[in-house]
Amino acid sequence: MSSELGKLRRDYAREGLHESDTDANPIIQFQTWFDQALAADLPDANAMTLATVNAEGKPSARIVLLKEVDDHGFVFYTNYNSRKAQELAVNPWAALVFWWAPLERQVRIEGEVEKVSTQESEAYFASRPFGSQLGAWASNQSEVIASREELEAKMRELEQKYDNQTVPKPPHWGGYRLIPTEIEFWQGRPNRLHDRLRYRQQSNGGWLQERLAP
């Protein structure tokens, strides 16, 4: 198996990433790349890896979906009783990774995480499809369950309960905002000499841009 994996090589030669072509504000630069990912019709362009760390320093990672980005940060939604939420409660620092393979691009983001307001969470919850709203009530995320049938039975109960009714946001469900302190833009280049531009937030609120060795 290892010999086969060793053959999985790909050279990147799509384009470069130059300081003169980037915005001084990494949020604006991210939005530019994100819009280009959307324009390229990439599947799940808003999918991002979220990495957290528990009280013992053990990391865990999973894919979540970006639902909003602005100068305040990157927003995603989840169950506040989930593993990720429990880890953020003891260590509110996390990392995000976007990988847009057809564009040969990666974005890495690090920062502190806080809950969004109840009003923001309620507004987003109201915009979700009916089934997704019920799913937030049906699933005790990250807990052990007896069977798939148990989960589906709970959904059927909720479908009957909220038939033709407004589904309220569960108290255990809502959003988080990662407030970035560091953002790195990675563009694949030939011979593994990739372009890496890192932005680090300064004490005055501005951003320092640096080129990193690949």
C-alpha atoms as a PDB file:
ATOM      1  CA  MET A   1       0.000   0.000   0.000  1.00  0.00           C
ATOM      2  CA  SER A   2       2.752   2.474   0.891  1.00  0.00           C
ATOM      3  CA  SER A   3       4.400   2.004  -2.516  1.00  0.00           C
ATOM      4  CA  GLU A   4       1.118   2.773  -4.239  1.00  0.00           C
ATOM      5  CA  LEU A   5       0.597   5.892  -2.142  1.00  0.00           C
ATOM      6  CA  GLY A   6       4.072   7.035  -3.080  1.00  0.00           C
ATOM      7  CA  LYS A   7       2.996   7.156  -6.715  1.00  0.00           C
ATOM      8  CA  LEU A   8       0.192   9.590  -5.982  1.00  0.00           C
ATOM      9  CA  ARG A   9       1.994  12.706  -7.076  1.00  0.00           C
ATOM     10  CA  ARG A  10       0.619  15.785  -8.773  1.00  0.00           C
ATOM     11  CA  ASP A  11       2.469  18.845 -10.013  1.00  0.00           C
ATOM     12  CA  TYR A  12       0.743  22.191  -9.604  1.00  0.00           C
ATOM     13  CA  ALA A  13       1.053  24.621 -12.473  1.00  0.00           C
ATOM     14  CA  ARG A  14      -2.158  26.624 -12.642  1.00  0.00           C
ATOM     15  CA  GLU A  15      -0.991  30.096 -11.550  1.00  0.00           C
ATOM     16  CA  GLY A  16       1.079  31.988  -9.015  1.00  0.00           C
ATOM     17  CA  LEU A  17       0.276  34.177  -6.039  1.00  0.00           C
ATOM     18  CA  HIS A  18       2.058  37.520  -5.918  1.00  0.00           C
ATOM     19  CA  GLU A  19       1.956  40.155  -3.229  1.00  0.00           C
ATOM     20  CA  SER A  20       1.073  42.826  -5.767  1.00  0.00           C
ATOM     21  CA  ASP A  21      -2.081  40.915  -6.736  1.00  0.00           C
ATOM     22  CA  THR A  22      -3.436  40.526  -3.197  1.00  0.00           C
ATOM     23  CA  ASP A  23      -5.424  42.844  -0.976  1.00  0.00           C
ATOM     24  CA  ALA A  24      -3.901  44.298   2.188  1.00  0.00           C
ATOM     25  CA  ASN A  25      -6.966  43.046   4.070  1.00  0.00           C
ATOM     26  CA  PRO A  26      -6.993  39.217   4.248  1.00  0.00           C
ATOM     27  CA  ILE A  27     -10.776  39.124   4.673  1.00  0.00           C
ATOM     28  CA  ILE A  28     -11.171  40.897   1.340  1.00  0.00           C
ATOM     29  CA  GLN A  29      -8.572  38.570  -0.186  1.00  0.00           C
ATOM     30  CA  PHE A  30     -10.466  35.566   1.173  1.00  0.00           C
ATOM     31  CA  GLN A  31     -13.726  36.854  -0.258  1.00  0.00           C
ATOM     32  CA  THR A  32     -12.044  37.217  -3.659  1.00  0.00           C
ATOM     33  CA  TRP A  33     -10.845  33.621  -3.602  1.00  0.00           C
ATOM     34  CA  PHE A  34     -14.146  32.361  -2.214  1.00  0.00           C
ATOM     35  CA  ASP A  35     -16.086  34.137  -4.981  1.00  0.00           C
ATOM     36  CA  GLN A  36     -13.777  32.544  -7.549  1.00  0.00           C
ATOM     37  CA  ALA A  37     -14.413  29.108  -5.988  1.00  0.00           C
ATOM     38  CA  LEU A  38     -18.153  29.732  -6.275  1.00  0.00           C
ATOM     39  CA  ALA A  39     -17.795  30.962  -9.853  1.00  0.00           C
ATOM     40  CA  ALA A  40     -15.895  27.772 -10.686  1.00  0.00           C
ATOM     41  CA  ASP A  41     -18.947  25.852  -9.434  1.00  0.00           C
ATOM     42  CA  LEU A  42     -16.872  23.798  -7.039  1.00  0.00           C
ATOM     43  CA  PRO A  43     -18.921  21.352  -4.945  1.00  0.00           C
ATOM     44  CA  ASP A  44     -19.294  22.475  -1.329  1.00  0.00           C
ATOM     45  CA  ALA A  45     -16.987  25.451  -1.775  1.00  0.00           C
ATOM     46  CA  ASN A  46     -17.949  26.591   1.735  1.00  0.00           C
ATOM     47  CA  ALA A  47     -16.833  23.308   3.337  1.00  0.00           C
ATOM     48  CA  MET A  48     -13.980  23.800   5.777  1.00  0.00           C
ATOM     49  CA  THR A  49     -12.059  21.646   8.210  1.00  0.00           C
ATOM     50  CA  LEU A  50     -12.481  22.836  11.800  1.00  0.00           C
ATOM     51  CA  ALA A  51      -9.760  21.721  14.223  1.00  0.00           C
ATOM     52  CA  THR A  52     -10.205  22.020  17.994  1.00  0.00           C
ATOM     53  CA  VAL A  53      -8.277  20.842  21.047  1.00  0.00           C
ATOM     54  CA  ASN A  54      -9.611  19.330  24.276  1.00  0.00           C
ATOM     55  CA  ALA A  55      -8.477  19.961  27.864  1.00  0.00           C
ATOM     56  CA  GLU A  56      -5.745  17.296  27.520  1.00  0.00           C
ATOM     57  CA  GLY A  57      -4.325  18.940  24.418  1.00  0.00           C
ATOM     58  CA  LYS A  58      -5.621  16.235  22.065  1.00  0.00           C
ATOM     59  CA  PRO A  59      -6.789  17.620  18.696  1.00  0.00           C
ATOM     60  CA  SER A  60      -9.832  16.627  16.692  1.00  0.00           C
ATOM     61  CA  ALA A  61     -11.055  17.786  13.299  1.00  0.00           C
ATOM     62  CA  ARG A  62     -14.194  17.625  11.182  1.00  0.00           C
ATOM     63  CA  ILE A  63     -15.817  19.317   8.179  1.00  0.00           C
ATOM     64  CA  VAL A  64     -18.294  22.125   8.854  1.00  0.00           C
ATOM     65  CA  LEU A  65     -19.873  24.682   6.530  1.00  0.00           C
ATOM     66  CA  LEU A  66     -19.065  28.379   6.412  1.00  0.00           C
ATOM     67  CA  LYS A  67     -22.296  30.356   6.666  1.00  0.00           C
ATOM     68  CA  GLU A  68     -21.031  33.933   6.892  1.00  0.00           C
ATOM     69  CA  VAL A  69     -17.784  35.848   6.590  1.00  0.00           C
ATOM     70  CA  ASP A  70     -17.115  39.529   7.207  1.00  0.00           C
ATOM     71  CA  ASP A  71     -14.621  41.746   9.025  1.00  0.00           C
ATOM     72  CA  HIS A  72     -15.741  40.181  12.313  1.00  0.00           C
ATOM     73  CA  GLY A  73     -14.830  36.638  11.308  1.00  0.00           C
ATOM     74  CA  PHE A  74     -15.980  33.258   9.991  1.00  0.00           C
ATOM     75  CA  VAL A  75     -19.334  31.847  11.171  1.00  0.00           C
ATOM     76  CA  PHE A  76     -20.538  28.246  11.400  1.00  0.00           C
ATOM     77  CA  TYR A  77     -23.421  26.581  13.260  1.00  0.00           C
ATOM     78  CA  THR A  78     -23.609  23.447  15.368  1.00  0.00           C
ATOM     79  CA  ASN A  79     -24.991  21.730  18.455  1.00  0.00           C
ATOM     80  CA  TYR A  80     -23.660  23.380  21.616  1.00  0.00           C
ATOM     81  CA  ASN A  81     -23.440  19.939  23.282  1.00  0.00           C
ATOM     82  CA  SER A  82     -21.318  18.403  20.518  1.00  0.00           C
ATOM     83  CA  ARG A  83     -17.700  17.369  20.926  1.00  0.00           C
ATOM     84  CA  LYS A  84     -16.465  20.433  19.085  1.00  0.00           C
ATOM     85  CA  ALA A  85     -18.511  22.696  21.347  1.00  0.00           C
ATOM     86  CA  GLN A  86     -17.243  20.966  24.487  1.00  0.00           C
ATOM     87  CA  GLU A  87     -13.677  21.434  23.311  1.00  0.00           C
ATOM     88  CA  LEU A  88     -14.251  25.089  22.439  1.00  0.00           C
ATOM     89  CA  ALA A  89     -15.680  25.612  25.925  1.00  0.00           C
ATOM     90  CA  VAL A  90     -12.348  24.638  27.503  1.00  0.00           C
ATOM     91  CA  ASN A  91     -10.083  25.993  24.747  1.00  0.00           C
ATOM     92  CA  PRO A  92     -11.706  28.721  22.606  1.00  0.00           C
ATOM     93  CA  TRP A  93      -8.956  28.688  19.970  1.00  0.00           C
ATOM     94  CA  ALA A  94      -9.387  26.823  16.703  1.00  0.00           C
ATOM     95  CA  ALA A  95      -8.162  26.497  13.125  1.00  0.00           C
ATOM     96  CA  LEU A  96      -9.977  26.339   9.785  1.00  0.00           C
ATOM     97  CA  VAL A  97      -8.778  24.947   6.456  1.00  0.00           C
ATOM     98  CA  PHE A  98     -10.375  25.414   3.032  1.00  0.00           C
ATOM     99  CA  TRP A  99      -9.151  23.195   0.171  1.00  0.00           C
ATOM    100  CA  TRP A 100     -10.222  24.034  -3.392  1.00  0.00           C
ATOM    101  CA  ALA A 101      -8.409  21.328  -5.371  1.00  0.00           C
ATOM    102  CA  PRO A 102      -9.365  22.377  -8.934  1.00  0.00           C
ATOM    103  CA  LEU A 103      -8.004  25.862  -8.225  1.00  0.00           C
ATOM    104  CA  GLU A 104      -4.924  24.404  -6.479  1.00  0.00           C
ATOM    105  CA  ARG A 105      -5.629  26.624  -3.487  1.00  0.00           C
ATOM    106  CA  GLN A 106      -5.703  26.262   0.268  1.00  0.00           C
ATOM    107  CA  VAL A 107      -6.569  28.785   2.978  1.00  0.00           C
ATOM    108  CA  ARG A 108      -5.552  28.255   6.609  1.00  0.00           C
ATOM    109  CA  ILE A 109      -7.094  30.370   9.363  1.00  0.00           C
ATOM    110  CA  GLU A 110      -6.376  30.513  13.093  1.00  0.00           C
ATOM    111  CA  GLY A 111      -8.117  32.500  15.775  1.00  0.00           C
ATOM    112  CA  GLU A 112     -10.275  32.722  18.862  1.00  0.00           C
ATOM    113  CA  VAL A 113     -13.854  31.457  18.769  1.00  0.00           C
ATOM    114  CA  GLU A 114     -16.941  32.977  20.388  1.00  0.00           C
ATOM    115  CA  LYS A 115     -20.661  32.263  20.205  1.00  0.00           C
ATOM    116  CA  VAL A 116     -22.720  34.499  17.930  1.00  0.00           C
ATOM    117  CA  SER A 117     -25.706  36.297  19.447  1.00  0.00           C
ATOM    118  CA  THR A 118     -28.974  34.458  20.063  1.00  0.00           C
ATOM    119  CA  GLN A 119     -30.609  36.799  17.566  1.00  0.00           C
ATOM    120  CA  GLU A 120     -28.128  35.800  14.843  1.00  0.00           C
ATOM    121  CA  SER A 121     -28.628  32.114  15.579  1.00  0.00           C
ATOM    122  CA  GLU A 122     -32.423  32.437  15.536  1.00  0.00           C
ATOM    123  CA  ALA A 123     -32.373  34.331  12.244  1.00  0.00           C
ATOM    124  CA  TYR A 124     -30.216  31.700  10.578  1.00  0.00           C
ATOM    125  CA  PHE A 125     -32.203  28.814  12.063  1.00  0.00           C
ATOM    126  CA  ALA A 126     -35.405  30.295  10.626  1.00  0.00           C
ATOM    127  CA  SER A 127     -33.816  30.227   7.149  1.00  0.00           C
ATOM    128  CA  ARG A 128     -33.014  26.487   7.289  1.00  0.00           C
ATOM    129  CA  PRO A 129     -35.122  23.855   5.520  1.00  0.00           C
ATOM    130  CA  PHE A 130     -37.828  22.224   7.630  1.00  0.00           C
ATOM    131  CA  GLY A 131     -36.000  18.899   7.751  1.00  0.00           C
ATOM    132  CA  SER A 132     -32.757  20.509   8.898  1.00  0.00           C
ATOM    133  CA  GLN A 133     -34.627  22.357  11.631  1.00  0.00           C
ATOM    134  CA  LEU A 134     -36.100  19.100  12.888  1.00  0.00           C
ATOM    135  CA  GLY A 135     -32.702  17.415  12.659  1.00  0.00           C
ATOM    136  CA  ALA A 136     -31.291  19.942  15.123  1.00  0.00           C
ATOM    137  CA  TRP A 137     -33.907  18.772  17.633  1.00  0.00           C
ATOM    138  CA  ALA A 138     -33.682  15.062  16.821  1.00  0.00           C
ATOM    139  CA  SER A 139     -29.935  14.598  17.110  1.00  0.00           C
ATOM    140  CA  ASN A 140     -28.037  14.715  20.396  1.00  0.00           C
ATOM    141  CA  GLN A 141     -24.884  15.301  18.410  1.00  0.00           C
ATOM    142  CA  SER A 142     -21.814  13.222  19.349  1.00  0.00           C
ATOM    143  CA  GLU A 143     -23.727  11.073  21.857  1.00  0.00           C
ATOM    144  CA  VAL A 144     -23.976   7.288  21.520  1.00  0.00           C
ATOM    145  CA  ILE A 145     -27.367   6.075  20.203  1.00  0.00           C
ATOM    146  CA  ALA A 146     -28.822   2.572  20.080  1.00  0.00           C
ATOM    147  CA  SER A 147     -29.653   2.502  16.383  1.00  0.00           C
ATOM    148  CA  ARG A 148     -30.500   4.388  13.220  1.00  0.00           C
ATOM    149  CA  GLU A 149     -34.143   3.464  13.829  1.00  0.00           C
ATOM    150  CA  GLU A 150     -34.124   5.405  17.108  1.00  0.00           C
ATOM    151  CA  LEU A 151     -33.045   8.553  15.273  1.00  0.00           C
ATOM    152  CA  GLU A 152     -35.606   8.127  12.505  1.00  0.00           C
ATOM    153  CA  ALA A 153     -38.384   7.503  15.056  1.00  0.00           C
ATOM    154  CA  LYS A 154     -37.523  10.778  16.759  1.00  0.00           C
ATOM    155  CA  MET A 155     -37.734  12.568  13.410  1.00  0.00           C
ATOM    156  CA  ARG A 156     -41.194  11.128  12.760  1.00  0.00           C
ATOM    157  CA  GLU A 157     -42.368  12.363  16.150  1.00  0.00           C
ATOM    158  CA  LEU A 158     -41.052  15.836  15.400  1.00  0.00           C
ATOM    159  CA  GLU A 159     -42.639  15.893  11.934  1.00  0.00           C
ATOM    160  CA  GLN A 160     -46.014  15.265  13.532  1.00  0.00           C
ATOM    161  CA  LYS A 161     -45.432  17.737  16.364  1.00  0.00           C
ATOM    162  CA  TYR A 162     -44.444  20.630  14.112  1.00  0.00           C
ATOM    163  CA  ASP A 163     -46.647  19.861  11.104  1.00  0.00           C
ATOM    164  CA  ASN A 164     -47.595  23.254   9.619  1.00  0.00           C
ATOM    165  CA  GLN A 165     -45.986  25.032  12.572  1.00  0.00           C
ATOM    166  CA  THR A 166     -42.931  27.220  13.089  1.00  0.00           C
ATOM    167  CA  VAL A 167     -40.033  25.230  14.481  1.00  0.00           C
ATOM    168  CA  PRO A 168     -38.271  27.129  17.299  1.00  0.00           C
ATOM    169  CA  LYS A 169     -34.501  27.114  17.563  1.00  0.00           C
ATOM    170  CA  PRO A 170     -33.299  24.532  20.093  1.00  0.00           C
ATOM    171  CA  PRO A 171     -31.606  26.140  23.104  1.00  0.00           C
ATOM    172  CA  HIS A 172     -28.628  23.825  22.536  1.00  0.00           C
ATOM    173  CA  TRP A 173     -28.049  24.917  18.939  1.00  0.00           C
ATOM    174  CA  GLY A 174     -26.417  28.035  17.517  1.00  0.00           C
ATOM    175  CA  GLY A 175     -23.484  29.687  15.861  1.00  0.00           C
ATOM    176  CA  TYR A 176     -19.812  30.306  16.496  1.00  0.00           C
ATOM    177  CA  ARG A 177     -17.595  32.996  15.043  1.00  0.00           C
ATOM    178  CA  LEU A 178     -13.869  32.435  14.590  1.00  0.00           C
ATOM    179  CA  ILE A 179     -12.143  35.803  14.902  1.00  0.00           C
ATOM    180  CA  PRO A 180      -8.950  35.424  12.854  1.00  0.00           C
ATOM    181  CA  THR A 181      -5.516  36.385  14.088  1.00  0.00           C
ATOM    182  CA  GLU A 182      -3.665  34.642  11.260  1.00  0.00           C
ATOM    183  CA  ILE A 183      -4.686  33.751   7.690  1.00  0.00           C
ATOM    184  CA  GLU A 184      -2.489  31.992   5.133  1.00  0.00           C
ATOM    185  CA  PHE A 185      -3.166  31.753   1.399  1.00  0.00           C
ATOM    186  CA  TRP A 186      -1.518  28.821  -0.383  1.00  0.00           C
ATOM    187  CA  GLN A 187      -1.267  28.500  -4.161  1.00  0.00           C
ATOM    188  CA  GLY A 188       0.173  25.333  -5.670  1.00  0.00           C
ATOM    189  CA  ARG A 189       3.253  25.827  -7.867  1.00  0.00           C
ATOM    190  CA  PRO A 190       5.547  23.508  -9.864  1.00  0.00           C
ATOM    191  CA  ASN A 191       8.258  21.447  -8.155  1.00  0.00           C
ATOM    192  CA  ARG A 192       6.594  21.910  -4.757  1.00  0.00           C
ATOM    193  CA  LEU A 193       7.781  25.541  -4.664  1.00  0.00           C
ATOM    194  CA  HIS A 194       4.313  26.670  -3.627  1.00  0.00           C
ATOM    195  CA  ASP A 195       3.360  30.276  -2.928  1.00  0.00           C
ATOM    196  CA  ARG A 196       2.430  30.949   0.700  1.00  0.00           C
ATOM    197  CA  LEU A 197       1.352  34.403   1.861  1.00  0.00           C
ATOM    198  CA  ARG A 198       0.564  34.764   5.551  1.00  0.00           C
ATOM    199  CA  TYR A 199      -1.278  37.647   7.186  1.00  0.00           C
ATOM    200  CA  ARG A 200      -0.774  38.211  10.927  1.00  0.00           C
ATOM    201  CA  GLN A 201      -2.888  40.687  12.843  1.00  0.00           C
ATOM    202  CA  GLN A 202      -0.911  43.426  14.579  1.00  0.00           C
ATOM    203  CA  SER A 203      -1.573  45.171  17.892  1.00  0.00           C
ATOM    204  CA  ASN A 204      -2.947  48.214  16.048  1.00  0.00           C
ATOM    205  CA  GLY A 205      -5.548  46.084  14.276  1.00  0.00           C
ATOM    206  CA  GLY A 206      -3.730  46.107  10.957  1.00  0.00           C
ATOM    207  CA  TRP A 207      -2.302  43.106   9.130  1.00  0.00           C
ATOM    208  CA  LEU A 208       1.296  42.181   8.360  1.00  0.00           C
ATOM    209  CA  GLN A 209       1.758  40.184   5.159  1.00  0.00           C
ATOM    210  CA  GLU A 210       4.707  37.789   4.938  1.00  0.00           C
ATOM    211  CA  ARG A 211       5.889  35.263   2.360  1.00  0.00           C
ATOM    212  CA  LEU A 212       6.676  31.810   3.752  1.00  0.00           C
ATOM    213  CA  ALA A 213       8.936  29.139   2.341  1.00  0.00           C
ATOM    214  CA  PRO A 214       6.895  26.213   0.950  1.00  0.00           C
END
